[in-house]
């Protein structure tokens, strides 16, 4: 099995109008949350491939990895499925973040998100849903010559995890934590990430449960 290596450097990094385009799971010091439900789809962007025309900036990518855990219901003899999200330790301070990274020229936005999940969190899975379009800005000490305004954009996806790797590129600097939604919101390093979790992921997941419950009810509850 070939050893996984994280991409480094920015020679393939995408920029648009002074903005660094970010893929994977996002983190920042200051953020402004903008959802597709408010803006609508940007004209000129093909969201199925992550490509864009010259008339619109390409979307940036962010994902929330999640899985289900069977938990015994209080006072009952049945199990219920509890959703947990995966967060990783930040390399720049306390608190937890979702994996993120740059979207590069030789990959689609979806491929970038999947790659960052592997490199930073050591998980593989299936992209389930596109949550929305996000903008956030960096603090002055984190800006660079290619991103003078410190402004980044990212498109966030939901990733259903089906494999946790025992070895991954950034395991020496990252610790993984599986958390409930409530625990994750309390541990989020950045407010915008908390908004994405509560307003984006939680609402999407609640809607998915309503849709799928009639078909899965018998399989989700196990008598003991």
C-alpha atoms as a PDB file:
ATOM      1  CA  UNK A   1       0.000   0.000   0.000  1.00  0.00           C
ATOM      2  CA  UNK A   2       1.485   3.339  -1.055  1.00  0.00           C
ATOM      3  CA  UNK A   3       2.148   5.857   1.709  1.00  0.00           C
ATOM      4  CA  UNK A   4      -0.191   8.852   1.722  1.00  0.00           C
ATOM      5  CA  UNK A   5       1.534  12.233   1.573  1.00  0.00           C
ATOM      6  CA  UNK A   6      -0.104  15.595   2.210  1.00  0.00           C
ATOM      7  CA  UNK A   7       0.183  18.241  -0.504  1.00  0.00           C
ATOM      8  CA  UNK A   8       2.319  21.228   0.465  1.00  0.00           C
ATOM      9  CA  UNK A   9       3.104  24.582  -1.148  1.00  0.00           C
ATOM     10  CA  UNK A  10       0.815  26.829  -3.180  1.00  0.00           C
ATOM     11  CA  UNK A  11       2.098  26.511  -6.753  1.00  0.00           C
ATOM     12  CA  UNK A  12      -1.212  24.862  -7.733  1.00  0.00           C
ATOM     13  CA  UNK A  13      -3.379  26.920  -5.380  1.00  0.00           C
ATOM     14  CA  UNK A  14      -6.451  28.606  -6.868  1.00  0.00           C
ATOM     15  CA  UNK A  15      -7.026  32.340  -6.360  1.00  0.00           C
ATOM     16  CA  UNK A  16      -9.759  34.611  -7.636  1.00  0.00           C
ATOM     17  CA  UNK A  17      -9.888  38.378  -7.259  1.00  0.00           C
ATOM     18  CA  UNK A  18      -7.355  38.297  -4.438  1.00  0.00           C
ATOM     19  CA  UNK A  19      -9.232  35.512  -2.648  1.00  0.00           C
ATOM     20  CA  UNK A  20      -7.596  32.209  -1.827  1.00  0.00           C
ATOM     21  CA  UNK A  21      -9.975  29.356  -2.643  1.00  0.00           C
ATOM     22  CA  UNK A  22     -10.179  26.794   0.124  1.00  0.00           C
ATOM     23  CA  UNK A  23     -11.178  23.133  -0.030  1.00  0.00           C
ATOM     24  CA  UNK A  24     -11.876  20.505   2.575  1.00  0.00           C
ATOM     25  CA  UNK A  25     -12.984  21.449   6.068  1.00  0.00           C
ATOM     26  CA  UNK A  26     -12.666  25.116   6.949  1.00  0.00           C
ATOM     27  CA  UNK A  27     -11.312  27.147   9.810  1.00  0.00           C
ATOM     28  CA  UNK A  28     -10.705  30.877  10.286  1.00  0.00           C
ATOM     29  CA  UNK A  29     -10.373  33.609  12.894  1.00  0.00           C
ATOM     30  CA  UNK A  30     -13.224  35.738  11.561  1.00  0.00           C
ATOM     31  CA  UNK A  31     -16.054  34.596   9.394  1.00  0.00           C
ATOM     32  CA  UNK A  32     -19.155  35.791   7.628  1.00  0.00           C
ATOM     33  CA  UNK A  33     -21.707  33.064   6.914  1.00  0.00           C
ATOM     34  CA  UNK A  34     -23.494  33.215   3.571  1.00  0.00           C
ATOM     35  CA  UNK A  35     -25.723  30.317   2.509  1.00  0.00           C
ATOM     36  CA  UNK A  36     -26.991  29.358  -0.913  1.00  0.00           C
ATOM     37  CA  UNK A  37     -30.525  29.660   0.416  1.00  0.00           C
ATOM     38  CA  UNK A  38     -29.857  33.400   0.725  1.00  0.00           C
ATOM     39  CA  UNK A  39     -27.717  34.041  -2.337  1.00  0.00           C
ATOM     40  CA  UNK A  40     -29.028  31.434  -4.746  1.00  0.00           C
ATOM     41  CA  UNK A  41     -26.670  29.580  -7.067  1.00  0.00           C
ATOM     42  CA  UNK A  42     -23.946  31.764  -8.534  1.00  0.00           C
ATOM     43  CA  UNK A  43     -24.359  32.243 -12.270  1.00  0.00           C
ATOM     44  CA  UNK A  44     -21.719  30.487 -14.335  1.00  0.00           C
ATOM     45  CA  UNK A  45     -20.795  27.817 -11.793  1.00  0.00           C
ATOM     46  CA  UNK A  46     -21.237  24.123 -12.499  1.00  0.00           C
ATOM     47  CA  UNK A  47     -21.826  22.710  -8.999  1.00  0.00           C
ATOM     48  CA  UNK A  48     -21.741  19.122 -10.240  1.00  0.00           C
ATOM     49  CA  UNK A  49     -18.059  19.385 -11.151  1.00  0.00           C
ATOM     50  CA  UNK A  50     -16.851  22.413  -9.236  1.00  0.00           C
ATOM     51  CA  UNK A  51     -15.855  24.232 -12.414  1.00  0.00           C
ATOM     52  CA  UNK A  52     -16.679  27.844 -13.203  1.00  0.00           C
ATOM     53  CA  UNK A  53     -16.840  30.224 -16.135  1.00  0.00           C
ATOM     54  CA  UNK A  54     -14.975  33.512 -16.307  1.00  0.00           C
ATOM     55  CA  UNK A  55     -18.117  35.337 -15.174  1.00  0.00           C
ATOM     56  CA  UNK A  56     -18.169  33.844 -11.667  1.00  0.00           C
ATOM     57  CA  UNK A  57     -15.601  32.760  -9.083  1.00  0.00           C
ATOM     58  CA  UNK A  58     -15.301  29.020  -8.496  1.00  0.00           C
ATOM     59  CA  UNK A  59     -16.829  27.807  -5.220  1.00  0.00           C
ATOM     60  CA  UNK A  60     -14.577  26.930  -2.288  1.00  0.00           C
ATOM     61  CA  UNK A  61     -15.009  23.636  -0.531  1.00  0.00           C
ATOM     62  CA  UNK A  62     -15.658  22.636   3.073  1.00  0.00           C
ATOM     63  CA  UNK A  63     -17.055  19.368   4.536  1.00  0.00           C
ATOM     64  CA  UNK A  64     -18.445  18.048   7.789  1.00  0.00           C
ATOM     65  CA  UNK A  65     -17.618  14.335   8.255  1.00  0.00           C
ATOM     66  CA  UNK A  66     -20.181  12.301  10.191  1.00  0.00           C
ATOM     67  CA  UNK A  67     -21.192   8.766  11.141  1.00  0.00           C
ATOM     68  CA  UNK A  68     -23.872   6.971  13.157  1.00  0.00           C
ATOM     69  CA  UNK A  69     -23.411   5.282  16.524  1.00  0.00           C
ATOM     70  CA  UNK A  70     -25.951   2.926  18.092  1.00  0.00           C
ATOM     71  CA  UNK A  71     -26.884   4.097  21.595  1.00  0.00           C
ATOM     72  CA  UNK A  72     -29.261   2.557  24.112  1.00  0.00           C
ATOM     73  CA  UNK A  73     -32.285   4.775  24.706  1.00  0.00           C
ATOM     74  CA  UNK A  74     -32.807   5.882  28.321  1.00  0.00           C
ATOM     75  CA  UNK A  75     -35.220   3.607  30.152  1.00  0.00           C
ATOM     76  CA  UNK A  76     -35.871   1.501  27.073  1.00  0.00           C
ATOM     77  CA  UNK A  77     -34.639  -1.790  25.653  1.00  0.00           C
ATOM     78  CA  UNK A  78     -34.024  -0.432  22.164  1.00  0.00           C
ATOM     79  CA  UNK A  79     -31.143   1.259  20.406  1.00  0.00           C
ATOM     80  CA  UNK A  80     -31.295   4.526  18.538  1.00  0.00           C
ATOM     81  CA  UNK A  81     -28.853   5.918  15.998  1.00  0.00           C
ATOM     82  CA  UNK A  82     -26.898   8.912  17.276  1.00  0.00           C
ATOM     83  CA  UNK A  83     -25.145  11.128  14.746  1.00  0.00           C
ATOM     84  CA  UNK A  84     -21.562  12.136  15.515  1.00  0.00           C
ATOM     85  CA  UNK A  85     -19.321  14.548  13.614  1.00  0.00           C
ATOM     86  CA  UNK A  86     -15.556  14.337  13.339  1.00  0.00           C
ATOM     87  CA  UNK A  87     -13.392  17.255  14.410  1.00  0.00           C
ATOM     88  CA  UNK A  88      -9.622  17.551  14.599  1.00  0.00           C
ATOM     89  CA  UNK A  89      -7.215  19.550  16.729  1.00  0.00           C
ATOM     90  CA  UNK A  90      -6.101  22.909  15.362  1.00  0.00           C
ATOM     91  CA  UNK A  91      -2.417  23.492  14.683  1.00  0.00           C
ATOM     92  CA  UNK A  92      -2.745  27.203  15.496  1.00  0.00           C
ATOM     93  CA  UNK A  93      -4.325  27.162  18.946  1.00  0.00           C
ATOM     94  CA  UNK A  94      -6.920  25.613  21.264  1.00  0.00           C
ATOM     95  CA  UNK A  95     -10.269  24.315  20.125  1.00  0.00           C
ATOM     96  CA  UNK A  96     -11.307  21.913  17.388  1.00  0.00           C
ATOM     97  CA  UNK A  97     -11.844  22.458  13.669  1.00  0.00           C
ATOM     98  CA  UNK A  98     -13.126  20.621  10.626  1.00  0.00           C
ATOM     99  CA  UNK A  99     -10.382  19.614   8.160  1.00  0.00           C
ATOM    100  CA  UNK A 100      -9.795  22.087   5.325  1.00  0.00           C
ATOM    101  CA  UNK A 101      -7.236  22.999   2.705  1.00  0.00           C
ATOM    102  CA  UNK A 102      -6.600  24.593  -0.661  1.00  0.00           C
ATOM    103  CA  UNK A 103      -8.500  23.729  -3.825  1.00  0.00           C
ATOM    104  CA  UNK A 104      -5.868  23.179  -6.494  1.00  0.00           C
ATOM    105  CA  UNK A 105      -5.853  23.503 -10.275  1.00  0.00           C
ATOM    106  CA  UNK A 106      -5.649  19.794 -11.101  1.00  0.00           C
ATOM    107  CA  UNK A 107      -8.772  18.664  -9.207  1.00  0.00           C
ATOM    108  CA  UNK A 108     -12.490  19.328  -8.905  1.00  0.00           C
ATOM    109  CA  UNK A 109     -13.933  20.936  -5.809  1.00  0.00           C
ATOM    110  CA  UNK A 110     -15.316  17.566  -4.686  1.00  0.00           C
ATOM    111  CA  UNK A 111     -11.951  15.854  -5.164  1.00  0.00           C
ATOM    112  CA  UNK A 112     -10.287  18.562  -3.084  1.00  0.00           C
ATOM    113  CA  UNK A 113     -12.744  18.059  -0.232  1.00  0.00           C
ATOM    114  CA  UNK A 114     -12.227  14.299  -0.222  1.00  0.00           C
ATOM    115  CA  UNK A 115      -8.436  14.738  -0.355  1.00  0.00           C
ATOM    116  CA  UNK A 116      -8.379  17.107   2.623  1.00  0.00           C
ATOM    117  CA  UNK A 117     -10.523  14.716   4.650  1.00  0.00           C
ATOM    118  CA  UNK A 118      -7.929  12.008   4.057  1.00  0.00           C
ATOM    119  CA  UNK A 119      -4.871  14.196   4.637  1.00  0.00           C
ATOM    120  CA  UNK A 120      -5.981  16.014   7.776  1.00  0.00           C
ATOM    121  CA  UNK A 121      -8.496  13.671   9.423  1.00  0.00           C
ATOM    122  CA  UNK A 122      -7.615  10.281   7.964  1.00  0.00           C
ATOM    123  CA  UNK A 123     -11.130   9.377   6.846  1.00  0.00           C
ATOM    124  CA  UNK A 124     -12.733   8.276   3.602  1.00  0.00           C
ATOM    125  CA  UNK A 125     -16.386   8.369   2.725  1.00  0.00           C
ATOM    126  CA  UNK A 126     -19.164   9.557   0.463  1.00  0.00           C
ATOM    127  CA  UNK A 127     -20.058  13.178  -0.216  1.00  0.00           C
ATOM    128  CA  UNK A 128     -23.754  13.325   0.615  1.00  0.00           C
ATOM    129  CA  UNK A 129     -24.873  16.919   0.219  1.00  0.00           C
ATOM    130  CA  UNK A 130     -23.735  20.447  -0.627  1.00  0.00           C
ATOM    131  CA  UNK A 131     -24.597  22.657   2.365  1.00  0.00           C
ATOM    132  CA  UNK A 132     -23.852  26.127   1.066  1.00  0.00           C
ATOM    133  CA  UNK A 133     -21.432  28.858   0.106  1.00  0.00           C
ATOM    134  CA  UNK A 134     -19.310  30.452   2.834  1.00  0.00           C
ATOM    135  CA  UNK A 135     -17.018  33.478   3.101  1.00  0.00           C
ATOM    136  CA  UNK A 136     -14.557  34.198   5.883  1.00  0.00           C
ATOM    137  CA  UNK A 137     -11.548  36.442   6.449  1.00  0.00           C
ATOM    138  CA  UNK A 138      -8.176  35.835   8.042  1.00  0.00           C
ATOM    139  CA  UNK A 139      -6.577  37.942  10.723  1.00  0.00           C
ATOM    140  CA  UNK A 140      -3.864  40.330   9.503  1.00  0.00           C
ATOM    141  CA  UNK A 141      -1.012  38.183  10.793  1.00  0.00           C
ATOM    142  CA  UNK A 142      -2.226  35.225   8.677  1.00  0.00           C
ATOM    143  CA  UNK A 143      -2.562  37.111   5.373  1.00  0.00           C
ATOM    144  CA  UNK A 144      -0.044  36.701   2.556  1.00  0.00           C
ATOM    145  CA  UNK A 145       0.929  38.406  -0.688  1.00  0.00           C
ATOM    146  CA  UNK A 146      -1.434  36.239  -2.724  1.00  0.00           C
ATOM    147  CA  UNK A 147      -4.373  37.001  -0.461  1.00  0.00           C
ATOM    148  CA  UNK A 148      -3.813  40.659   0.493  1.00  0.00           C
ATOM    149  CA  UNK A 149      -7.316  41.190   1.837  1.00  0.00           C
ATOM    150  CA  UNK A 150      -7.249  37.939   3.769  1.00  0.00           C
ATOM    151  CA  UNK A 151     -10.592  36.921   2.251  1.00  0.00           C
ATOM    152  CA  UNK A 152     -11.402  33.245   1.607  1.00  0.00           C
ATOM    153  CA  UNK A 153     -14.462  31.464   0.257  1.00  0.00           C
ATOM    154  CA  UNK A 154     -15.523  27.880   0.712  1.00  0.00           C
ATOM    155  CA  UNK A 155     -18.327  25.534  -0.357  1.00  0.00           C
ATOM    156  CA  UNK A 156     -19.226  23.086   2.395  1.00  0.00           C
ATOM    157  CA  UNK A 157     -20.166  19.463   1.820  1.00  0.00           C
ATOM    158  CA  UNK A 158     -21.410  16.703   4.110  1.00  0.00           C
ATOM    159  CA  UNK A 159     -19.250  13.562   4.142  1.00  0.00           C
ATOM    160  CA  UNK A 160     -20.600  10.224   5.405  1.00  0.00           C
ATOM    161  CA  UNK A 161     -17.543   8.396   6.766  1.00  0.00           C
ATOM    162  CA  UNK A 162     -17.161   4.716   5.900  1.00  0.00           C
ATOM    163  CA  UNK A 163     -13.465   4.209   6.681  1.00  0.00           C
ATOM    164  CA  UNK A 164     -11.122   5.512   9.384  1.00  0.00           C
ATOM    165  CA  UNK A 165      -7.470   5.153   8.422  1.00  0.00           C
ATOM    166  CA  UNK A 166      -4.959   3.965  11.004  1.00  0.00           C
ATOM    167  CA  UNK A 167      -2.248   5.987   9.300  1.00  0.00           C
ATOM    168  CA  UNK A 168      -2.687   9.305   7.494  1.00  0.00           C
ATOM    169  CA  UNK A 169      -0.443  12.199   6.370  1.00  0.00           C
ATOM    170  CA  UNK A 170      -1.084  14.627   9.260  1.00  0.00           C
ATOM    171  CA  UNK A 171      -1.610  12.215  12.125  1.00  0.00           C
ATOM    172  CA  UNK A 172       1.482  13.519  13.946  1.00  0.00           C
ATOM    173  CA  UNK A 173      -0.095  16.981  14.284  1.00  0.00           C
ATOM    174  CA  UNK A 174      -3.818  16.150  14.427  1.00  0.00           C
ATOM    175  CA  UNK A 175      -5.975  14.397  16.996  1.00  0.00           C
ATOM    176  CA  UNK A 176      -9.410  13.128  15.952  1.00  0.00           C
ATOM    177  CA  UNK A 177     -12.520  13.526  18.095  1.00  0.00           C
ATOM    178  CA  UNK A 178     -15.971  12.083  17.393  1.00  0.00           C
ATOM    179  CA  UNK A 179     -18.566  14.347  19.005  1.00  0.00           C
ATOM    180  CA  UNK A 180     -22.304  14.789  19.218  1.00  0.00           C
ATOM    181  CA  UNK A 181     -23.685  17.948  17.620  1.00  0.00           C
ATOM    182  CA  UNK A 182     -23.977  19.636  21.013  1.00  0.00           C
ATOM    183  CA  UNK A 183     -20.429  18.703  22.002  1.00  0.00           C
ATOM    184  CA  UNK A 184     -19.082  19.869  18.650  1.00  0.00           C
ATOM    185  CA  UNK A 185     -20.724  23.297  18.869  1.00  0.00           C
ATOM    186  CA  UNK A 186     -19.136  23.802  22.282  1.00  0.00           C
ATOM    187  CA  UNK A 187     -15.678  22.811  21.012  1.00  0.00           C
ATOM    188  CA  UNK A 188     -15.650  24.746  17.712  1.00  0.00           C
ATOM    189  CA  UNK A 189     -12.676  27.077  17.521  1.00  0.00           C
ATOM    190  CA  UNK A 190     -14.440  29.465  15.130  1.00  0.00           C
ATOM    191  CA  UNK A 191     -17.963  30.944  15.305  1.00  0.00           C
ATOM    192  CA  UNK A 192     -18.622  30.578  11.571  1.00  0.00           C
ATOM    193  CA  UNK A 193     -17.955  26.873  11.817  1.00  0.00           C
ATOM    194  CA  UNK A 194     -20.467  26.619  14.633  1.00  0.00           C
ATOM    195  CA  UNK A 195     -23.039  28.369  12.433  1.00  0.00           C
ATOM    196  CA  UNK A 196     -22.376  25.936   9.599  1.00  0.00           C
ATOM    197  CA  UNK A 197     -22.861  23.005  11.944  1.00  0.00           C
ATOM    198  CA  UNK A 198     -26.054  24.298  13.547  1.00  0.00           C
ATOM    199  CA  UNK A 199     -27.712  26.053  10.619  1.00  0.00           C
ATOM    200  CA  UNK A 200     -26.387  23.941   7.754  1.00  0.00           C
ATOM    201  CA  UNK A 201     -25.655  20.389   8.824  1.00  0.00           C
ATOM    202  CA  UNK A 202     -28.217  20.006  11.615  1.00  0.00           C
ATOM    203  CA  UNK A 203     -31.130  21.244   9.509  1.00  0.00           C
ATOM    204  CA  UNK A 204     -30.093  19.112   6.540  1.00  0.00           C
ATOM    205  CA  UNK A 205     -29.750  16.010   8.723  1.00  0.00           C
ATOM    206  CA  UNK A 206     -33.098  16.596  10.443  1.00  0.00           C
ATOM    207  CA  UNK A 207     -34.763  16.791   7.047  1.00  0.00           C
ATOM    208  CA  UNK A 208     -33.017  13.600   5.911  1.00  0.00           C
ATOM    209  CA  UNK A 209     -34.333  11.747   8.963  1.00  0.00           C
ATOM    210  CA  UNK A 210     -37.896  12.830   8.204  1.00  0.00           C
ATOM    211  CA  UNK A 211     -37.569  11.604   4.617  1.00  0.00           C
ATOM    212  CA  UNK A 212     -35.865   8.276   5.367  1.00  0.00           C
ATOM    213  CA  UNK A 213     -37.562   7.282   8.647  1.00  0.00           C
ATOM    214  CA  UNK A 214     -40.540   5.446   7.097  1.00  0.00           C
ATOM    215  CA  UNK A 215     -38.182   3.213   5.111  1.00  0.00           C
ATOM    216  CA  UNK A 216     -35.600   2.652   7.865  1.00  0.00           C
ATOM    217  CA  UNK A 217     -37.727   2.512  10.996  1.00  0.00           C
ATOM    218  CA  UNK A 218     -37.530  -1.255  11.420  1.00  0.00           C
ATOM    219  CA  UNK A 219     -33.775  -1.374  10.795  1.00  0.00           C
ATOM    220  CA  UNK A 220     -32.872   1.563  13.034  1.00  0.00           C
ATOM    221  CA  UNK A 221     -34.503   0.196  16.219  1.00  0.00           C
ATOM    222  CA  UNK A 222     -33.202  -3.112  17.519  1.00  0.00           C
ATOM    223  CA  UNK A 223     -34.879  -4.908  20.439  1.00  0.00           C
ATOM    224  CA  UNK A 224     -32.648  -6.522  23.061  1.00  0.00           C
END
